[in-house]
Amino acid sequence: EEPSLRSGVRRGARVRHPSLGTGTVLALEGEGEALKITVFFERAGKRKLVARYANLEPL
């Protein structure tokens, strides 16, 4: 089963980050506190973030 954030964000979901703007989830890897999320942001490009610190808001 593919990992997801507690908020239910999955690959292909649209998200918003306070400073990076809006983007699309490309991949999730790992699990628990080690979960990393790769997002392509419209303004900031591709970024890999540690999910628990990413402060992403599902759209």
Protein backbone atom coordinates (compact mmCIF):
# COMPACT_ATOMS: atom_id res chain seq x y z
CA GLU A 1 0.00 0.00 0.00
CA GLU A 2 1.27 3.46 -0.90
CA PRO A 3 2.18 5.70 2.05
CA SER A 4 0.09 8.78 2.73
CA LEU A 5 0.10 11.69 5.14
CA ARG A 6 -2.31 11.68 8.06
CA SER A 7 -4.35 14.25 6.12
CA GLY A 8 -4.86 11.70 3.33
CA VAL A 9 -2.55 13.39 0.81
CA ARG A 10 -1.50 10.94 -1.90
CA ARG A 11 0.45 11.03 -5.14
CA GLY A 12 -1.28 13.40 -7.57
CA ALA A 13 -2.90 15.48 -4.81
CA ARG A 14 -2.70 19.27 -4.87
CA VAL A 15 -1.15 20.92 -1.80
CA ARG A 16 -0.18 24.38 -0.55
CA HIS A 17 3.00 25.29 1.33
CA PRO A 18 3.27 28.64 3.19
CA SER A 19 6.38 29.83 1.33
CA LEU A 20 6.68 27.53 -1.71
CA GLY A 21 3.08 28.00 -2.89
CA THR A 22 0.86 25.41 -4.55
CA GLY A 23 2.04 22.18 -6.06
CA THR A 24 1.32 18.57 -6.96
CA VAL A 25 2.52 15.58 -4.95
CA LEU A 26 4.83 13.47 -7.14
CA ALA A 27 5.90 10.77 -4.67
CA LEU A 28 5.86 9.65 -1.06
CA GLU A 29 8.58 7.44 0.39
CA GLY A 30 9.30 5.96 3.77
CA GLU A 31 6.87 5.80 6.65
CA GLY A 32 6.13 7.27 10.04
CA GLU A 33 8.43 10.09 11.09
CA ALA A 34 10.75 9.31 8.17
CA LEU A 35 8.05 9.89 5.52
CA LYS A 36 9.34 12.14 2.72
CA ILE A 37 7.15 13.81 0.14
CA THR A 38 8.27 15.03 -3.28
CA VAL A 39 6.21 17.93 -4.60
CA PHE A 40 6.43 19.90 -7.84
CA PHE A 41 5.63 23.50 -6.90
CA GLU A 42 4.48 25.89 -9.62
CA ARG A 43 6.87 28.64 -8.50
CA ALA A 44 9.65 26.73 -6.73
CA GLY A 45 10.02 23.59 -8.85
CA LYS A 46 10.60 20.06 -7.53
CA ARG A 47 11.30 19.76 -3.80
CA LYS A 48 11.67 16.79 -1.44
CA LEU A 49 10.36 17.54 2.05
CA VAL A 50 10.19 15.65 5.33
CA ALA A 51 6.43 15.29 5.72
CA ARG A 52 6.27 15.98 9.45
CA TYR A 53 8.00 19.36 8.98
CA ALA A 54 6.57 20.26 5.56
CA ASN A 55 3.48 22.13 6.80
CA LEU A 56 1.53 21.17 3.67
CA GLU A 57 -2.17 21.95 3.39
CA PRO A 58 -4.29 19.72 1.12
CA LEU A 59 -6.34 21.60 -1.50
